[in-house]
N, C-alpha and C. Protein backbone atom coordinates (compact mmCIF):
# COMPACT_ATOMS: atom_id res chain seq x y z
N UNK A 1 198.92 109.08 131.09
CA UNK A 1 198.69 110.37 130.46
C UNK A 1 199.48 110.41 129.15
N UNK A 2 198.85 110.79 128.03
CA UNK A 2 199.56 110.82 126.76
C UNK A 2 200.74 111.79 126.81
N UNK A 3 201.78 111.48 126.03
CA UNK A 3 202.98 112.31 126.08
C UNK A 3 202.73 113.72 125.58
N UNK A 4 201.76 113.92 124.65
CA UNK A 4 201.48 115.29 124.20
C UNK A 4 200.90 116.12 125.34
N UNK A 5 200.07 115.50 126.18
CA UNK A 5 199.53 116.21 127.34
C UNK A 5 200.65 116.49 128.34
N UNK A 6 201.51 115.51 128.56
CA UNK A 6 202.64 115.70 129.47
C UNK A 6 203.54 116.82 128.95
N UNK A 7 203.79 116.84 127.66
CA UNK A 7 204.62 117.88 127.06
C UNK A 7 203.98 119.25 127.24
N UNK A 8 202.66 119.35 127.06
CA UNK A 8 201.96 120.61 127.24
C UNK A 8 202.05 121.06 128.70
N UNK A 9 201.83 120.15 129.62
CA UNK A 9 201.92 120.48 131.05
C UNK A 9 203.31 121.01 131.37
N UNK A 10 204.33 120.36 130.86
CA UNK A 10 205.71 120.79 131.13
C UNK A 10 205.98 122.18 130.54
N UNK A 11 205.46 122.45 129.35
CA UNK A 11 205.64 123.78 128.73
C UNK A 11 204.97 124.85 129.59
N UNK A 12 203.74 124.56 130.03
CA UNK A 12 203.02 125.52 130.87
C UNK A 12 203.75 125.72 132.20
N UNK A 13 204.20 124.64 132.79
CA UNK A 13 204.90 124.72 134.08
C UNK A 13 206.17 125.55 133.96
N UNK A 14 206.89 125.43 132.85
CA UNK A 14 208.12 126.21 132.66
C UNK A 14 207.82 127.71 132.57
N UNK A 15 206.63 128.07 132.12
CA UNK A 15 206.27 129.49 132.02
C UNK A 15 205.84 130.08 133.36
N UNK A 16 205.48 129.23 134.29
CA UNK A 16 205.03 129.71 135.60
C UNK A 16 206.24 130.08 136.47
N UNK A 17 206.05 131.00 137.41
CA UNK A 17 207.19 131.53 138.18
C UNK A 17 207.78 130.60 139.23
N UNK A 18 207.15 129.46 139.47
CA UNK A 18 207.65 128.47 140.43
C UNK A 18 207.71 129.01 141.86
N UNK A 19 206.79 129.89 142.19
CA UNK A 19 206.73 130.39 143.56
C UNK A 19 206.07 129.38 144.49
N UNK A 20 205.24 128.49 143.95
CA UNK A 20 204.52 127.48 144.74
C UNK A 20 203.66 128.15 145.81
N UNK A 21 203.15 129.35 145.52
CA UNK A 21 202.45 130.15 146.53
C UNK A 21 200.99 129.77 146.74
N UNK A 22 200.38 129.13 145.77
CA UNK A 22 198.99 128.72 145.91
C UNK A 22 197.98 129.81 145.60
N UNK A 23 198.41 130.99 145.19
CA UNK A 23 197.46 132.06 144.89
C UNK A 23 196.55 131.71 143.73
N UNK A 24 196.97 130.77 142.91
CA UNK A 24 196.16 130.33 141.76
C UNK A 24 195.00 129.43 142.19
N UNK A 25 195.05 128.95 143.43
CA UNK A 25 194.02 128.04 143.91
C UNK A 25 194.46 126.59 143.85
N UNK A 26 195.68 126.34 143.42
CA UNK A 26 196.23 124.98 143.35
C UNK A 26 197.42 124.87 144.30
N UNK A 27 197.85 123.65 144.57
CA UNK A 27 198.92 123.43 145.54
C UNK A 27 200.30 123.80 145.05
N UNK A 28 200.41 124.29 143.86
CA UNK A 28 201.70 124.69 143.32
C UNK A 28 201.58 124.93 141.83
N UNK A 29 202.69 125.28 141.22
CA UNK A 29 202.70 125.61 139.80
C UNK A 29 202.38 124.41 138.92
N UNK A 30 202.93 123.25 139.24
CA UNK A 30 202.67 122.07 138.40
C UNK A 30 201.20 121.66 138.41
N UNK A 31 200.55 121.59 139.58
CA UNK A 31 199.12 121.27 139.56
C UNK A 31 198.28 122.30 138.79
N UNK A 32 198.69 123.56 138.84
CA UNK A 32 198.00 124.59 138.07
C UNK A 32 198.21 124.33 136.57
N UNK A 33 199.43 123.99 136.18
CA UNK A 33 199.71 123.67 134.77
C UNK A 33 198.87 122.48 134.32
N UNK A 34 198.75 121.48 135.17
CA UNK A 34 197.92 120.32 134.84
C UNK A 34 196.46 120.73 134.61
N UNK A 35 195.94 121.58 135.49
CA UNK A 35 194.56 122.02 135.37
C UNK A 35 194.34 122.83 134.09
N UNK A 36 195.29 123.67 133.74
CA UNK A 36 195.18 124.43 132.49
C UNK A 36 195.19 123.49 131.29
N UNK A 37 196.09 122.50 131.31
CA UNK A 37 196.18 121.56 130.19
C UNK A 37 194.89 120.77 130.02
N UNK A 38 194.20 120.49 131.11
CA UNK A 38 192.92 119.77 131.06
C UNK A 38 191.75 120.69 130.72
N UNK A 39 192.00 122.00 130.64
CA UNK A 39 190.94 122.95 130.37
C UNK A 39 190.09 123.28 131.59
N UNK A 40 190.61 122.98 132.78
CA UNK A 40 189.87 123.20 134.03
C UNK A 40 190.23 124.52 134.71
N UNK A 41 191.23 125.21 134.23
CA UNK A 41 191.64 126.48 134.83
C UNK A 41 192.02 127.46 133.74
N UNK A 42 191.73 128.72 133.99
CA UNK A 42 192.10 129.77 133.04
C UNK A 42 193.55 130.18 133.19
N UNK A 43 194.00 130.97 132.24
CA UNK A 43 195.40 131.42 132.21
C UNK A 43 195.63 132.62 133.13
N UNK A 44 194.59 133.10 133.77
CA UNK A 44 194.67 134.36 134.51
C UNK A 44 194.78 134.20 136.02
N UNK A 45 195.16 133.02 136.50
CA UNK A 45 195.14 132.75 137.94
C UNK A 45 196.43 133.05 138.69
N UNK A 46 197.49 133.50 138.03
CA UNK A 46 198.81 133.59 138.66
C UNK A 46 199.28 135.03 138.86
N UNK A 47 199.05 135.61 140.05
CA UNK A 47 199.56 136.96 140.29
C UNK A 47 201.08 137.09 140.15
N UNK A 48 201.90 136.13 140.64
CA UNK A 48 203.34 136.31 140.47
C UNK A 48 203.77 136.36 138.99
N UNK A 49 203.04 135.70 138.12
CA UNK A 49 203.36 135.74 136.69
C UNK A 49 202.92 137.03 136.02
N UNK A 50 201.94 137.70 136.62
CA UNK A 50 201.45 138.97 136.08
C UNK A 50 200.79 138.83 134.72
N UNK A 51 200.55 139.96 134.10
CA UNK A 51 199.91 139.99 132.79
C UNK A 51 200.78 139.33 131.72
N UNK A 52 202.10 139.52 131.80
CA UNK A 52 203.00 138.90 130.83
C UNK A 52 202.92 137.38 130.90
N UNK A 53 202.87 136.86 132.11
CA UNK A 53 202.75 135.41 132.28
C UNK A 53 201.44 134.89 131.73
N UNK A 54 200.36 135.60 132.01
CA UNK A 54 199.04 135.18 131.51
C UNK A 54 199.03 135.18 129.98
N UNK A 55 199.66 136.17 129.37
CA UNK A 55 199.74 136.22 127.89
C UNK A 55 200.54 135.04 127.35
N UNK A 56 201.65 134.73 127.99
CA UNK A 56 202.48 133.61 127.53
C UNK A 56 201.73 132.29 127.64
N UNK A 57 201.00 132.09 128.75
CA UNK A 57 200.22 130.87 128.92
C UNK A 57 199.13 130.78 127.86
N UNK A 58 198.46 131.90 127.59
CA UNK A 58 197.40 131.93 126.58
C UNK A 58 197.96 131.57 125.21
N UNK A 59 199.15 132.08 124.91
CA UNK A 59 199.79 131.78 123.62
C UNK A 59 200.03 130.27 123.47
N UNK A 60 200.56 129.65 124.49
CA UNK A 60 200.83 128.21 124.44
C UNK A 60 199.53 127.41 124.27
N UNK A 61 198.50 127.84 124.96
CA UNK A 61 197.22 127.12 124.91
C UNK A 61 196.37 127.50 123.70
N UNK A 62 196.75 128.57 122.98
CA UNK A 62 195.98 128.99 121.82
C UNK A 62 194.62 129.56 122.20
N UNK A 63 194.57 130.25 123.35
CA UNK A 63 193.32 130.86 123.82
C UNK A 63 193.53 132.37 123.90
N UNK A 64 192.44 133.12 123.99
CA UNK A 64 192.60 134.58 124.11
C UNK A 64 193.35 134.96 125.40
N UNK A 65 194.20 135.96 125.25
CA UNK A 65 194.95 136.45 126.40
C UNK A 65 194.03 137.23 127.33
N UNK A 66 194.26 137.10 128.61
CA UNK A 66 193.52 137.80 129.65
C UNK A 66 194.52 138.42 130.61
N UNK A 67 194.17 139.56 131.21
CA UNK A 67 195.02 140.06 132.30
C UNK A 67 194.88 139.13 133.49
N UNK A 68 195.91 139.08 134.35
CA UNK A 68 195.79 138.19 135.51
C UNK A 68 194.69 138.70 136.44
N UNK A 69 194.09 137.80 137.15
CA UNK A 69 192.97 138.10 138.05
C UNK A 69 193.50 138.77 139.32
N UNK A 70 193.31 140.06 139.42
CA UNK A 70 193.84 140.83 140.55
C UNK A 70 193.17 140.50 141.87
N UNK A 71 192.03 139.83 141.85
CA UNK A 71 191.40 139.44 143.11
C UNK A 71 192.19 138.33 143.81
N UNK A 72 193.12 137.70 143.09
CA UNK A 72 193.95 136.63 143.67
C UNK A 72 195.21 137.18 144.35
N UNK A 73 195.53 138.44 144.11
CA UNK A 73 196.72 139.05 144.70
C UNK A 73 197.36 140.01 143.72
N UNK A 74 198.38 140.69 144.19
CA UNK A 74 199.07 141.68 143.37
C UNK A 74 200.32 141.08 142.74
N UNK A 75 200.65 141.58 141.56
CA UNK A 75 201.91 141.21 140.93
C UNK A 75 203.00 142.07 141.58
N UNK A 76 204.06 141.42 142.03
CA UNK A 76 205.14 142.13 142.73
C UNK A 76 206.47 141.80 142.08
N UNK A 77 207.44 142.68 142.22
CA UNK A 77 208.79 142.34 141.75
C UNK A 77 209.30 141.12 142.51
N UNK A 78 210.26 140.45 141.94
CA UNK A 78 210.84 139.26 142.59
C UNK A 78 211.34 139.63 143.98
N UNK A 79 211.02 138.77 144.94
CA UNK A 79 211.39 139.02 146.32
C UNK A 79 211.82 137.72 146.99
N UNK A 80 212.51 137.86 148.09
CA UNK A 80 212.90 136.70 148.91
C UNK A 80 212.66 137.05 150.37
N UNK A 81 212.48 136.03 151.17
CA UNK A 81 212.29 136.23 152.60
C UNK A 81 213.65 136.43 153.27
N UNK A 82 213.63 137.18 154.34
CA UNK A 82 214.82 137.40 155.16
C UNK A 82 214.38 137.27 156.61
N UNK A 83 215.03 136.42 157.35
CA UNK A 83 214.72 136.26 158.77
C UNK A 83 215.63 137.17 159.58
N UNK A 84 215.02 138.00 160.41
CA UNK A 84 215.78 138.83 161.33
C UNK A 84 216.24 137.88 162.43
N UNK A 85 217.44 137.39 162.26
CA UNK A 85 217.93 136.28 163.08
C UNK A 85 217.96 136.60 164.56
N UNK A 86 218.20 137.84 164.93
CA UNK A 86 218.23 138.20 166.35
C UNK A 86 216.86 138.04 167.00
N UNK A 87 215.81 138.10 166.22
CA UNK A 87 214.45 137.99 166.75
C UNK A 87 213.87 136.58 166.64
N UNK A 88 214.53 135.70 165.89
CA UNK A 88 214.02 134.35 165.66
C UNK A 88 214.11 133.51 166.94
N UNK A 89 213.01 132.83 167.27
CA UNK A 89 212.99 131.99 168.48
C UNK A 89 213.16 130.50 168.16
N UNK A 90 213.32 130.16 166.87
CA UNK A 90 213.56 128.77 166.51
C UNK A 90 212.34 127.88 166.61
N UNK A 91 211.17 128.41 166.35
CA UNK A 91 209.95 127.62 166.53
C UNK A 91 209.73 126.60 165.41
N UNK A 92 210.37 126.75 164.28
CA UNK A 92 210.30 125.90 163.08
C UNK A 92 209.00 126.04 162.28
N UNK A 93 208.11 126.94 162.66
CA UNK A 93 206.85 127.09 161.92
C UNK A 93 207.10 127.58 160.50
N UNK A 94 208.09 128.42 160.29
CA UNK A 94 208.40 128.89 158.94
C UNK A 94 208.96 127.76 158.09
N UNK A 95 209.76 126.90 158.70
CA UNK A 95 210.32 125.76 157.96
C UNK A 95 209.21 124.86 157.47
N UNK A 96 208.24 124.60 158.32
CA UNK A 96 207.11 123.74 157.96
C UNK A 96 206.26 124.36 156.86
N UNK A 97 206.18 125.69 156.81
CA UNK A 97 205.34 126.37 155.83
C UNK A 97 206.02 126.54 154.47
N UNK A 98 207.33 126.46 154.42
CA UNK A 98 208.06 126.73 153.17
C UNK A 98 207.88 125.59 152.17
N UNK A 99 207.28 125.88 151.00
CA UNK A 99 207.03 124.81 150.03
C UNK A 99 208.27 124.38 149.25
N UNK A 100 209.37 125.13 149.37
CA UNK A 100 210.56 124.81 148.59
C UNK A 100 211.79 124.53 149.45
N UNK A 101 211.59 124.34 150.75
CA UNK A 101 212.69 124.03 151.67
C UNK A 101 213.83 125.04 151.61
N UNK A 102 213.47 126.33 151.56
CA UNK A 102 214.47 127.38 151.49
C UNK A 102 214.88 127.91 152.86
N UNK A 103 214.27 127.39 153.92
CA UNK A 103 214.59 127.85 155.28
C UNK A 103 215.27 126.72 156.04
N UNK A 104 216.38 127.04 156.65
CA UNK A 104 217.11 126.03 157.42
C UNK A 104 217.32 126.51 158.85
N UNK A 105 217.44 125.55 159.73
CA UNK A 105 217.65 125.85 161.14
C UNK A 105 217.11 124.72 161.98
N UNK A 106 217.44 124.72 163.24
CA UNK A 106 216.99 123.69 164.14
C UNK A 106 216.03 124.25 165.17
N UNK A 107 215.28 123.34 165.78
CA UNK A 107 214.34 123.74 166.82
C UNK A 107 215.09 124.48 167.93
N UNK A 108 214.56 125.59 168.33
CA UNK A 108 215.09 126.45 169.39
C UNK A 108 216.41 127.12 169.03
N UNK A 109 216.75 127.10 167.74
CA UNK A 109 217.91 127.83 167.22
C UNK A 109 217.43 128.75 166.11
N UNK A 110 218.16 129.78 165.86
CA UNK A 110 217.73 130.71 164.83
C UNK A 110 217.74 130.01 163.47
N UNK A 111 216.90 130.55 162.58
CA UNK A 111 216.77 130.02 161.23
C UNK A 111 217.30 131.04 160.24
N UNK A 112 217.55 130.59 159.04
CA UNK A 112 217.97 131.49 157.98
C UNK A 112 217.36 131.02 156.66
N UNK A 113 217.26 131.94 155.73
CA UNK A 113 216.70 131.65 154.41
C UNK A 113 217.84 131.50 153.42
N UNK A 114 217.75 130.47 152.59
CA UNK A 114 218.70 130.30 151.49
C UNK A 114 218.13 131.06 150.30
N UNK A 115 218.64 132.26 150.01
CA UNK A 115 218.02 133.11 149.00
C UNK A 115 217.97 132.50 147.60
N UNK A 116 218.91 131.64 147.28
CA UNK A 116 218.90 131.00 145.95
C UNK A 116 217.73 130.04 145.79
N UNK A 117 217.17 129.57 146.91
CA UNK A 117 216.03 128.64 146.85
C UNK A 117 214.70 129.34 147.10
N UNK A 118 214.72 130.47 147.78
CA UNK A 118 213.48 131.16 148.17
C UNK A 118 212.78 131.71 146.93
N UNK A 119 211.46 131.48 146.87
CA UNK A 119 210.66 131.97 145.74
C UNK A 119 209.88 133.24 146.09
N UNK A 120 209.94 133.66 147.34
CA UNK A 120 209.21 134.85 147.75
C UNK A 120 207.71 134.65 147.85
N UNK A 121 207.28 133.43 148.10
CA UNK A 121 205.85 133.10 148.10
C UNK A 121 205.09 133.69 149.28
N UNK A 122 205.79 134.11 150.32
CA UNK A 122 205.22 134.72 151.52
C UNK A 122 204.52 133.73 152.45
N UNK A 123 204.55 132.44 152.17
CA UNK A 123 203.85 131.48 153.01
C UNK A 123 204.48 131.30 154.38
N UNK A 124 205.72 131.73 154.55
CA UNK A 124 206.39 131.62 155.85
C UNK A 124 205.99 132.73 156.81
N UNK A 125 205.45 133.81 156.30
CA UNK A 125 205.16 134.98 157.14
C UNK A 125 204.01 134.76 158.12
N UNK A 126 202.83 134.29 157.67
CA UNK A 126 201.72 134.16 158.63
C UNK A 126 201.99 133.25 159.83
N UNK A 127 202.69 132.13 159.68
CA UNK A 127 202.88 131.28 160.87
C UNK A 127 203.92 131.78 161.86
N UNK A 128 204.71 132.77 161.50
CA UNK A 128 205.77 133.25 162.39
C UNK A 128 205.16 133.98 163.59
N UNK A 129 205.36 133.45 164.80
CA UNK A 129 204.74 134.07 165.98
C UNK A 129 205.42 135.35 166.46
N UNK A 130 206.62 135.64 165.96
CA UNK A 130 207.34 136.83 166.42
C UNK A 130 207.57 137.85 165.30
N UNK A 131 206.96 137.64 164.17
CA UNK A 131 207.06 138.57 163.03
C UNK A 131 208.50 138.93 162.70
N UNK A 132 209.36 137.93 162.61
CA UNK A 132 210.77 138.21 162.33
C UNK A 132 211.14 137.97 160.86
N UNK A 133 210.14 137.81 159.99
CA UNK A 133 210.42 137.56 158.59
C UNK A 133 210.03 138.78 157.77
N UNK A 134 210.96 139.24 156.96
CA UNK A 134 210.74 140.38 156.08
C UNK A 134 210.92 139.92 154.64
N UNK A 135 210.35 140.67 153.72
CA UNK A 135 210.56 140.40 152.30
C UNK A 135 211.45 141.52 151.75
N UNK A 136 212.44 141.11 150.98
CA UNK A 136 213.35 142.08 150.36
C UNK A 136 213.42 141.77 148.87
N UNK A 137 213.91 142.70 148.10
CA UNK A 137 214.08 142.48 146.66
C UNK A 137 215.02 141.29 146.44
N UNK A 138 214.65 140.46 145.51
CA UNK A 138 215.49 139.30 145.19
C UNK A 138 216.82 139.76 144.63
N UNK A 139 217.90 139.10 145.02
CA UNK A 139 219.20 139.47 144.46
C UNK A 139 219.22 139.23 142.96
N UNK A 140 219.87 140.11 142.24
CA UNK A 140 219.97 139.96 140.78
C UNK A 140 221.07 138.94 140.50
N UNK A 141 220.73 137.93 139.71
CA UNK A 141 221.75 136.87 139.44
C UNK A 141 222.93 137.36 138.65
């Protein structure tokens, strides 16, 4: 891949929120950046980036700005997962679902979220069989 394309992909990837949530239709932010650089995806696919993110991506690509596609999800303030540890049964399903390895714990032991690593992607919530995962506002750095 030519270095100018690699440089463009990296610029686009830096503008994305790094939630790795897949709401854009790709397996993460970097694959979405690659698709945009190839002209295969529009700038409006990222709900976590919101309208501001879509504008920034459009600016880099030199294309008209579009609002983000709301059919892909809602733009939300930064959030992180929180496991209600007293309710956790240690099934490890949340660990397997986390794209950024922000959940730690052992089988049959309670788990916890490392908030500095959590992107708030919500992918850990559906597989939890006991609904012990909540989303809270991300701590302000």
